[in-house]
Amino acid sequence: MTDLDRAHLRAKATALRLLLAQIDTNPDVLDVIEGEIEPDPEDATRVLGILLGVAAAEIVHRHHGDTAAAARNVEASLAEALDELG
């Protein structure tokens, strides 16, 4: 196993622990995040990339594999968030 493989697996484990903390509505989720992500920007980028992959897979799954419907759902949520920003 290479160092890059090990870094990816560590980031994946971190991402999944963060998801569990969020799902469990852990009030200390921000403390968990700070404790899990190393101060290395590459580590944070890997964790974010994995979280985005998991989120995308879940959204597509929720739409029964219809990526166009999943994209429309995300676009609607994005439009709503941008409208709220003003």
PDB file of N, CA and C in Angstrom:
ATOM      1  N   MET A   1       0.855  -1.170   0.000  1.00  0.00           N
ATOM      2  CA  MET A   1       0.000   0.000   0.000  1.00  0.00           C
ATOM      3  C   MET A   1       0.906   1.239   0.000  1.00  0.00           C
ATOM      4  N   THR A   2       0.611   2.149  -0.902  1.00  0.00           N
ATOM      5  CA  THR A   2       1.407   3.370  -1.004  1.00  0.00           C
ATOM      6  C   THR A   2       0.941   4.396   0.030  1.00  0.00           C
ATOM      7  N   ASP A   3       1.764   5.419   0.221  1.00  0.00           N
ATOM      8  CA  ASP A   3       1.372   6.509   1.124  1.00  0.00           C
ATOM      9  C   ASP A   3       0.110   7.194   0.632  1.00  0.00           C
ATOM     10  N   LEU A   4      -0.038   7.318  -0.701  1.00  0.00           N
ATOM     11  CA  LEU A   4      -1.234   7.944  -1.265  1.00  0.00           C
ATOM     12  C   LEU A   4      -2.471   7.099  -0.984  1.00  0.00           C
ATOM     13  N   ASP A   5      -2.341   5.764  -1.101  1.00  0.00           N
ATOM     14  CA  ASP A   5      -3.461   4.878  -0.771  1.00  0.00           C
ATOM     15  C   ASP A   5      -3.840   5.020   0.702  1.00  0.00           C
ATOM     16  N   ARG A   6      -2.838   5.064   1.543  1.00  0.00           N
ATOM     17  CA  ARG A   6      -3.079   5.185   2.985  1.00  0.00           C
ATOM     18  C   ARG A   6      -3.758   6.530   3.300  1.00  0.00           C
ATOM     19  N   ALA A   7      -3.308   7.593   2.657  1.00  0.00           N
ATOM     20  CA  ALA A   7      -3.914   8.917   2.863  1.00  0.00           C
ATOM     21  C   ALA A   7      -5.364   8.918   2.401  1.00  0.00           C
ATOM     22  N   HIS A   8      -5.633   8.258   1.281  1.00  0.00           N
ATOM     23  CA  HIS A   8      -7.011   8.189   0.779  1.00  0.00           C
ATOM     24  C   HIS A   8      -7.899   7.417   1.761  1.00  0.00           C
ATOM     25  N   LEU A   9      -7.417   6.287   2.255  1.00  0.00           N
ATOM     26  CA  LEU A   9      -8.212   5.498   3.201  1.00  0.00           C
ATOM     27  C   LEU A   9      -8.429   6.243   4.511  1.00  0.00           C
ATOM     28  N   ARG A  10      -7.415   6.979   4.975  1.00  0.00           N
ATOM     29  CA  ARG A  10      -7.568   7.778   6.197  1.00  0.00           C
ATOM     30  C   ARG A  10      -8.611   8.876   5.979  1.00  0.00           C
ATOM     31  N   ALA A  11      -8.570   9.513   4.803  1.00  0.00           N
ATOM     32  CA  ALA A  11      -9.547  10.557   4.489  1.00  0.00           C
ATOM     33  C   ALA A  11     -10.949   9.970   4.381  1.00  0.00           C
ATOM     34  N   LYS A  12     -11.052   8.783   3.803  1.00  0.00           N
ATOM     35  CA  LYS A  12     -12.367   8.133   3.685  1.00  0.00           C
ATOM     36  C   LYS A  12     -12.936   7.825   5.069  1.00  0.00           C
ATOM     37  N   ALA A  13     -12.098   7.286   5.956  1.00  0.00           N
ATOM     38  CA  ALA A  13     -12.560   6.990   7.311  1.00  0.00           C
ATOM     39  C   ALA A  13     -12.982   8.269   8.031  1.00  0.00           C
ATOM     40  N   THR A  14     -12.222   9.329   7.854  1.00  0.00           N
ATOM     41  CA  THR A  14     -12.565  10.615   8.461  1.00  0.00           C
ATOM     42  C   THR A  14     -13.893  11.113   7.923  1.00  0.00           C
ATOM     43  N   ALA A  15     -14.071  11.064   6.614  1.00  0.00           N
ATOM     44  CA  ALA A  15     -15.310  11.537   5.996  1.00  0.00           C
ATOM     45  C   ALA A  15     -16.509  10.757   6.528  1.00  0.00           C
ATOM     46  N   LEU A  16     -16.359   9.453   6.636  1.00  0.00           N
ATOM     47  CA  LEU A  16     -17.483   8.640   7.111  1.00  0.00           C
ATOM     48  C   LEU A  16     -17.766   8.890   8.591  1.00  0.00           C
ATOM     49  N   ARG A  17     -16.721   9.121   9.392  1.00  0.00           N
ATOM     50  CA  ARG A  17     -16.961   9.470  10.807  1.00  0.00           C
ATOM     51  C   ARG A  17     -17.687  10.810  10.915  1.00  0.00           C
ATOM     52  N   LEU A  18     -17.326  11.755  10.063  1.00  0.00           N
ATOM     53  CA  LEU A  18     -17.996  13.058  10.065  1.00  0.00           C
ATOM     54  C   LEU A  18     -19.459  12.918   9.648  1.00  0.00           C
ATOM     55  N   LEU A  19     -19.721  12.090   8.637  1.00  0.00           N
ATOM     56  CA  LEU A  19     -21.110  11.851   8.235  1.00  0.00           C
ATOM     57  C   LEU A  19     -21.911  11.243   9.374  1.00  0.00           C
ATOM     58  N   LEU A  20     -21.335  10.276  10.058  1.00  0.00           N
ATOM     59  CA  LEU A  20     -22.032   9.673  11.200  1.00  0.00           C
ATOM     60  C   LEU A  20     -22.313  10.701  12.282  1.00  0.00           C
ATOM     61  N   ALA A  21     -21.354  11.557  12.557  1.00  0.00           N
ATOM     62  CA  ALA A  21     -21.568  12.596  13.574  1.00  0.00           C
ATOM     63  C   ALA A  21     -22.705  13.516  13.163  1.00  0.00           C
ATOM     64  N   GLN A  22     -22.776  13.841  11.877  1.00  0.00           N
ATOM     65  CA  GLN A  22     -23.844  14.723  11.399  1.00  0.00           C
ATOM     66  C   GLN A  22     -25.194  14.009  11.451  1.00  0.00           C
ATOM     67  N   ILE A  23     -25.235  12.754  11.017  1.00  0.00           N
ATOM     68  CA  ILE A  23     -26.480  11.982  11.031  1.00  0.00           C
ATOM     69  C   ILE A  23     -26.992  11.810  12.449  1.00  0.00           C
ATOM     70  N   ASP A  24     -26.083  11.567  13.373  1.00  0.00           N
ATOM     71  CA  ASP A  24     -26.465  11.388  14.780  1.00  0.00           C
ATOM     72  C   ASP A  24     -26.789  12.710  15.456  1.00  0.00           C
ATOM     73  N   THR A  25     -26.773  13.801  14.680  1.00  0.00           N
ATOM     74  CA  THR A  25     -26.987  15.160  15.189  1.00  0.00           C
ATOM     75  C   THR A  25     -26.137  15.425  16.422  1.00  0.00           C
ATOM     76  N   ASN A  26     -24.888  15.053  16.310  1.00  0.00           N
ATOM     77  CA  ASN A  26     -23.923  15.287  17.377  1.00  0.00           C
ATOM     78  C   ASN A  26     -23.729  16.799  17.514  1.00  0.00           C
ATOM     79  N   PRO A  27     -24.066  17.378  18.664  1.00  0.00           N
ATOM     80  CA  PRO A  27     -23.913  18.832  18.820  1.00  0.00           C
ATOM     81  C   PRO A  27     -22.447  19.274  18.777  1.00  0.00           C
ATOM     82  N   ASP A  28     -21.550  18.330  18.931  1.00  0.00           N
ATOM     83  CA  ASP A  28     -20.122  18.640  18.911  1.00  0.00           C
ATOM     84  C   ASP A  28     -19.497  18.333  17.554  1.00  0.00           C
ATOM     85  N   VAL A  29     -20.317  18.322  16.474  1.00  0.00           N
ATOM     86  CA  VAL A  29     -19.810  17.917  15.167  1.00  0.00           C
ATOM     87  C   VAL A  29     -18.655  18.804  14.709  1.00  0.00           C
ATOM     88  N   LEU A  30     -18.687  20.092  15.023  1.00  0.00           N
ATOM     89  CA  LEU A  30     -17.576  20.964  14.625  1.00  0.00           C
ATOM     90  C   LEU A  30     -16.294  20.596  15.351  1.00  0.00           C
ATOM     91  N   ASP A  31     -16.412  20.203  16.621  1.00  0.00           N
ATOM     92  CA  ASP A  31     -15.235  19.742  17.350  1.00  0.00           C
ATOM     93  C   ASP A  31     -14.715  18.443  16.754  1.00  0.00           C
ATOM     94  N   VAL A  32     -15.637  17.591  16.328  1.00  0.00           N
ATOM     95  CA  VAL A  32     -15.244  16.335  15.689  1.00  0.00           C
ATOM     96  C   VAL A  32     -14.483  16.636  14.411  1.00  0.00           C
ATOM     97  N   ILE A  33     -14.989  17.583  13.622  1.00  0.00           N
ATOM     98  CA  ILE A  33     -14.328  17.951  12.374  1.00  0.00           C
ATOM     99  C   ILE A  33     -12.917  18.451  12.650  1.00  0.00           C
ATOM    100  N   GLU A  34     -12.779  19.364  13.595  1.00  0.00           N
ATOM    101  CA  GLU A  34     -11.459  19.901  13.912  1.00  0.00           C
ATOM    102  C   GLU A  34     -10.515  18.814  14.393  1.00  0.00           C
ATOM    103  N   GLY A  35     -11.039  17.852  15.130  1.00  0.00           N
ATOM    104  CA  GLY A  35     -10.201  16.773  15.635  1.00  0.00           C
ATOM    105  C   GLY A  35      -9.854  15.741  14.587  1.00  0.00           C
ATOM    106  N   GLU A  36     -10.679  15.607  13.561  1.00  0.00           N
ATOM    107  CA  GLU A  36     -10.483  14.578  12.549  1.00  0.00           C
ATOM    108  C   GLU A  36      -9.585  15.017  11.408  1.00  0.00           C
ATOM    109  N   ILE A  37      -9.730  16.244  10.961  1.00  0.00           N
ATOM    110  CA  ILE A  37      -8.996  16.698   9.784  1.00  0.00           C
ATOM    111  C   ILE A  37      -7.654  17.263  10.221  1.00  0.00           C
ATOM    112  N   GLU A  38      -6.625  16.712   9.647  1.00  0.00           N
ATOM    113  CA  GLU A  38      -5.282  17.190   9.958  1.00  0.00           C
ATOM    114  C   GLU A  38      -5.119  18.598   9.409  1.00  0.00           C
ATOM    115  N   PRO A  39      -4.164  19.363   9.956  1.00  0.00           N
ATOM    116  CA  PRO A  39      -3.995  20.741   9.493  1.00  0.00           C
ATOM    117  C   PRO A  39      -3.394  20.839   8.087  1.00  0.00           C
ATOM    118  N   ASP A  40      -3.288  19.722   7.398  1.00  0.00           N
ATOM    119  CA  ASP A  40      -2.750  19.676   6.042  1.00  0.00           C
ATOM    120  C   ASP A  40      -3.873  19.994   5.044  1.00  0.00           C
ATOM    121  N   PRO A  41      -3.725  21.030   4.212  1.00  0.00           N
ATOM    122  CA  PRO A  41      -4.783  21.361   3.243  1.00  0.00           C
ATOM    123  C   PRO A  41      -5.119  20.206   2.305  1.00  0.00           C
ATOM    124  N   GLU A  42      -4.136  19.385   1.973  1.00  0.00           N
ATOM    125  CA  GLU A  42      -4.417  18.235   1.103  1.00  0.00           C
ATOM    126  C   GLU A  42      -5.325  17.241   1.801  1.00  0.00           C
ATOM    127  N   ASP A  43      -5.171  17.080   3.113  1.00  0.00           N
ATOM    128  CA  ASP A  43      -6.026  16.182   3.877  1.00  0.00           C
ATOM    129  C   ASP A  43      -7.469  16.683   3.835  1.00  0.00           C
ATOM    130  N   ALA A  44      -7.653  17.970   4.063  1.00  0.00           N
ATOM    131  CA  ALA A  44      -9.000  18.549   4.024  1.00  0.00           C
ATOM    132  C   ALA A  44      -9.609  18.401   2.632  1.00  0.00           C
ATOM    133  N   THR A  45      -8.806  18.571   1.600  1.00  0.00           N
ATOM    134  CA  THR A  45      -9.293  18.429   0.225  1.00  0.00           C
ATOM    135  C   THR A  45      -9.727  16.996  -0.052  1.00  0.00           C
ATOM    136  N   ARG A  46      -8.938  16.028   0.418  1.00  0.00           N
ATOM    137  CA  ARG A  46      -9.309  14.619   0.223  1.00  0.00           C
ATOM    138  C   ARG A  46     -10.612  14.304   0.945  1.00  0.00           C
ATOM    139  N   VAL A  47     -10.737  14.764   2.188  1.00  0.00           N
ATOM    140  CA  VAL A  47     -11.956  14.507   2.958  1.00  0.00           C
ATOM    141  C   VAL A  47     -13.158  15.139   2.257  1.00  0.00           C
ATOM    142  N   LEU A  48     -13.009  16.379   1.808  1.00  0.00           N
ATOM    143  CA  LEU A  48     -14.102  17.052   1.109  1.00  0.00           C
ATOM    144  C   LEU A  48     -14.467  16.301  -0.168  1.00  0.00           C
ATOM    145  N   GLY A  49     -13.471  15.848  -0.902  1.00  0.00           N
ATOM    146  CA  GLY A  49     -13.738  15.096  -2.131  1.00  0.00           C
ATOM    147  C   GLY A  49     -14.529  13.834  -1.870  1.00  0.00           C
ATOM    148  N   ILE A  50     -14.187  13.127  -0.803  1.00  0.00           N
ATOM    149  CA  ILE A  50     -14.915  11.902  -0.461  1.00  0.00           C
ATOM    150  C   ILE A  50     -16.327  12.229  -0.007  1.00  0.00           C
ATOM    151  N   LEU A  51     -16.485  13.273   0.807  1.00  0.00           N
ATOM    152  CA  LEU A  51     -17.827  13.675   1.233  1.00  0.00           C
ATOM    153  C   LEU A  51     -18.703  14.039   0.041  1.00  0.00           C
ATOM    154  N   LEU A  52     -18.129  14.746  -0.928  1.00  0.00           N
ATOM    155  CA  LEU A  52     -18.891  15.097  -2.121  1.00  0.00           C
ATOM    156  C   LEU A  52     -19.274  13.852  -2.907  1.00  0.00           C
ATOM    157  N   GLY A  53     -18.368  12.898  -2.993  1.00  0.00           N
ATOM    158  CA  GLY A  53     -18.673  11.648  -3.691  1.00  0.00           C
ATOM    159  C   GLY A  53     -19.799  10.884  -3.027  1.00  0.00           C
ATOM    160  N   VAL A  54     -19.755  10.809  -1.704  1.00  0.00           N
ATOM    161  CA  VAL A  54     -20.815  10.120  -0.959  1.00  0.00           C
ATOM    162  C   VAL A  54     -22.145  10.850  -1.135  1.00  0.00           C
ATOM    163  N   ALA A  55     -22.115  12.175  -1.012  1.00  0.00           N
ATOM    164  CA  ALA A  55     -23.348  12.959  -1.161  1.00  0.00           C
ATOM    165  C   ALA A  55     -23.926  12.797  -2.562  1.00  0.00           C
ATOM    166  N   ALA A  56     -23.078  12.869  -3.572  1.00  0.00           N
ATOM    167  CA  ALA A  56     -23.553  12.726  -4.952  1.00  0.00           C
ATOM    168  C   ALA A  56     -24.164  11.344  -5.170  1.00  0.00           C
ATOM    169  N   ALA A  57     -23.499  10.324  -4.670  1.00  0.00           N
ATOM    170  CA  ALA A  57     -24.025   8.960  -4.826  1.00  0.00           C
ATOM    171  C   ALA A  57     -25.378   8.812  -4.140  1.00  0.00           C
ATOM    172  N   GLU A  58     -25.521   9.399  -2.965  1.00  0.00           N
ATOM    173  CA  GLU A  58     -26.791   9.310  -2.244  1.00  0.00           C
ATOM    174  C   GLU A  58     -27.914  10.052  -2.974  1.00  0.00           C
ATOM    175  N   ILE A  59     -27.602  11.213  -3.504  1.00  0.00           N
ATOM    176  CA  ILE A  59     -28.625  11.983  -4.224  1.00  0.00           C
ATOM    177  C   ILE A  59     -29.054  11.238  -5.484  1.00  0.00           C
ATOM    178  N   VAL A  60     -28.109  10.695  -6.225  1.00  0.00           N
ATOM    179  CA  VAL A  60     -28.445   9.930  -7.437  1.00  0.00           C
ATOM    180  C   VAL A  60     -29.239   8.684  -7.055  1.00  0.00           C
ATOM    181  N   HIS A  61     -28.839   8.013  -5.975  1.00  0.00           N
ATOM    182  CA  HIS A  61     -29.564   6.828  -5.510  1.00  0.00           C
ATOM    183  C   HIS A  61     -31.002   7.178  -5.144  1.00  0.00           C
ATOM    184  N   ARG A  62     -31.181   8.305  -4.480  1.00  0.00           N
ATOM    185  CA  ARG A  62     -32.522   8.750  -4.084  1.00  0.00           C
ATOM    186  C   ARG A  62     -33.412   8.993  -5.306  1.00  0.00           C
ATOM    187  N   HIS A  63     -32.774   9.292  -6.439  1.00  0.00           N
ATOM    188  CA  HIS A  63     -33.515   9.517  -7.677  1.00  0.00           C
ATOM    189  C   HIS A  63     -33.450   8.294  -8.592  1.00  0.00           C
ATOM    190  N   HIS A  64     -33.209   7.126  -7.999  1.00  0.00           N
ATOM    191  CA  HIS A  64     -33.213   5.841  -8.706  1.00  0.00           C
ATOM    192  C   HIS A  64     -32.286   5.832  -9.915  1.00  0.00           C
ATOM    193  N   GLY A  65     -31.112   6.429  -9.755  1.00  0.00           N
ATOM    194  CA  GLY A  65     -30.108   6.420 -10.799  1.00  0.00           C
ATOM    195  C   GLY A  65     -30.288   7.469 -11.877  1.00  0.00           C
ATOM    196  N   ASP A  66     -31.317   8.278 -11.765  1.00  0.00           N
ATOM    197  CA  ASP A  66     -31.591   9.321 -12.764  1.00  0.00           C
ATOM    198  C   ASP A  66     -30.745  10.553 -12.432  1.00  0.00           C
ATOM    199  N   THR A  67     -29.585  10.646 -13.080  1.00  0.00           N
ATOM    200  CA  THR A  67     -28.669  11.741 -12.763  1.00  0.00           C
ATOM    201  C   THR A  67     -29.248  13.096 -13.151  1.00  0.00           C
ATOM    202  N   ALA A  68     -30.063  13.138 -14.204  1.00  0.00           N
ATOM    203  CA  ALA A  68     -30.672  14.412 -14.607  1.00  0.00           C
ATOM    204  C   ALA A  68     -31.630  14.911 -13.524  1.00  0.00           C
ATOM    205  N   ALA A  69     -32.428  14.010 -12.972  1.00  0.00           N
ATOM    206  CA  ALA A  69     -33.351  14.392 -11.895  1.00  0.00           C
ATOM    207  C   ALA A  69     -32.571  14.804 -10.653  1.00  0.00           C
ATOM    208  N   ALA A  70     -31.495  14.088 -10.361  1.00  0.00           N
ATOM    209  CA  ALA A  70     -30.667  14.443  -9.206  1.00  0.00           C
ATOM    210  C   ALA A  70     -30.069  15.828  -9.393  1.00  0.00           C
ATOM    211  N   ALA A  71     -29.588  16.120 -10.598  1.00  0.00           N
ATOM    212  CA  ALA A  71     -28.999  17.435 -10.877  1.00  0.00           C
ATOM    213  C   ALA A  71     -30.052  18.530 -10.741  1.00  0.00           C
ATOM    214  N   ARG A  72     -31.264  18.270 -11.230  1.00  0.00           N
ATOM    215  CA  ARG A  72     -32.331  19.278 -11.098  1.00  0.00           C
ATOM    216  C   ARG A  72     -32.627  19.558  -9.630  1.00  0.00           C
ATOM    217  N   ASN A  73     -32.606  18.523  -8.804  1.00  0.00           N
ATOM    218  CA  ASN A  73     -32.848  18.683  -7.381  1.00  0.00           C
ATOM    219  C   ASN A  73     -31.764  19.547  -6.741  1.00  0.00           C
ATOM    220  N   VAL A  74     -30.518  19.286  -7.080  1.00  0.00           N
ATOM    221  CA  VAL A  74     -29.405  20.072  -6.533  1.00  0.00           C
ATOM    222  C   VAL A  74     -29.476  21.504  -7.054  1.00  0.00           C
ATOM    223  N   GLU A  75     -29.792  21.667  -8.331  1.00  0.00           N
ATOM    224  CA  GLU A  75     -29.920  23.018  -8.900  1.00  0.00           C
ATOM    225  C   GLU A  75     -31.016  23.809  -8.196  1.00  0.00           C
ATOM    226  N   ALA A  76     -32.130  23.164  -7.891  1.00  0.00           N
ATOM    227  CA  ALA A  76     -33.217  23.846  -7.180  1.00  0.00           C
ATOM    228  C   ALA A  76     -32.770  24.258  -5.778  1.00  0.00           C
ATOM    229  N   SER A  77     -32.051  23.373  -5.100  1.00  0.00           N
ATOM    230  CA  SER A  77     -31.545  23.704  -3.765  1.00  0.00           C
ATOM    231  C   SER A  77     -30.533  24.838  -3.829  1.00  0.00           C
ATOM    232  N   LEU A  78     -29.685  24.824  -4.851  1.00  0.00           N
ATOM    233  CA  LEU A  78     -28.704  25.885  -5.029  1.00  0.00           C
ATOM    234  C   LEU A  78     -29.406  27.223  -5.297  1.00  0.00           C
ATOM    235  N   ALA A  79     -30.409  27.212  -6.169  1.00  0.00           N
ATOM    236  CA  ALA A  79     -31.147  28.434  -6.471  1.00  0.00           C
ATOM    237  C   ALA A  79     -31.810  28.993  -5.214  1.00  0.00           C
ATOM    238  N   GLU A  80     -32.367  28.100  -4.395  1.00  0.00           N
ATOM    239  CA  GLU A  80     -33.009  28.536  -3.155  1.00  0.00           C
ATOM    240  C   GLU A  80     -31.974  29.177  -2.214  1.00  0.00           C
ATOM    241  N   ALA A  81     -30.810  28.533  -2.085  1.00  0.00           N
ATOM    242  CA  ALA A  81     -29.770  29.083  -1.209  1.00  0.00           C
ATOM    243  C   ALA A  81     -29.285  30.443  -1.720  1.00  0.00           C
ATOM    244  N   LEU A  82     -29.117  30.572  -3.031  1.00  0.00           N
ATOM    245  CA  LEU A  82     -28.670  31.839  -3.599  1.00  0.00           C
ATOM    246  C   LEU A  82     -29.729  32.920  -3.427  1.00  0.00           C
ATOM    247  N   ASP A  83     -30.997  32.552  -3.579  1.00  0.00           N
ATOM    248  CA  ASP A  83     -32.095  33.521  -3.362  1.00  0.00           C
ATOM    249  C   ASP A  83     -32.086  34.020  -1.916  1.00  0.00           C
ATOM    250  N   GLU A  84     -31.860  33.102  -0.970  1.00  0.00           N
ATOM    251  CA  GLU A  84     -31.837  33.487   0.429  1.00  0.00           C
ATOM    252  C   GLU A  84     -30.674  34.426   0.742  1.00  0.00           C
ATOM    253  N   LEU A  85     -29.584  34.262  -0.003  1.00  0.00           N
ATOM    254  CA  LEU A  85     -28.434  35.166   0.181  1.00  0.00           C
ATOM    255  C   LEU A  85     -28.740  36.568  -0.306  1.00  0.00           C
ATOM    256  N   GLY A  86     -29.669  36.653  -1.234  1.00  0.00           N
ATOM    257  CA  GLY A  86     -30.065  37.962  -1.724  1.00  0.00           C
ATOM    258  C   GLY A  86     -29.365  38.286  -2.973  1.00  0.00           C
TER     259      GLY A  86
END
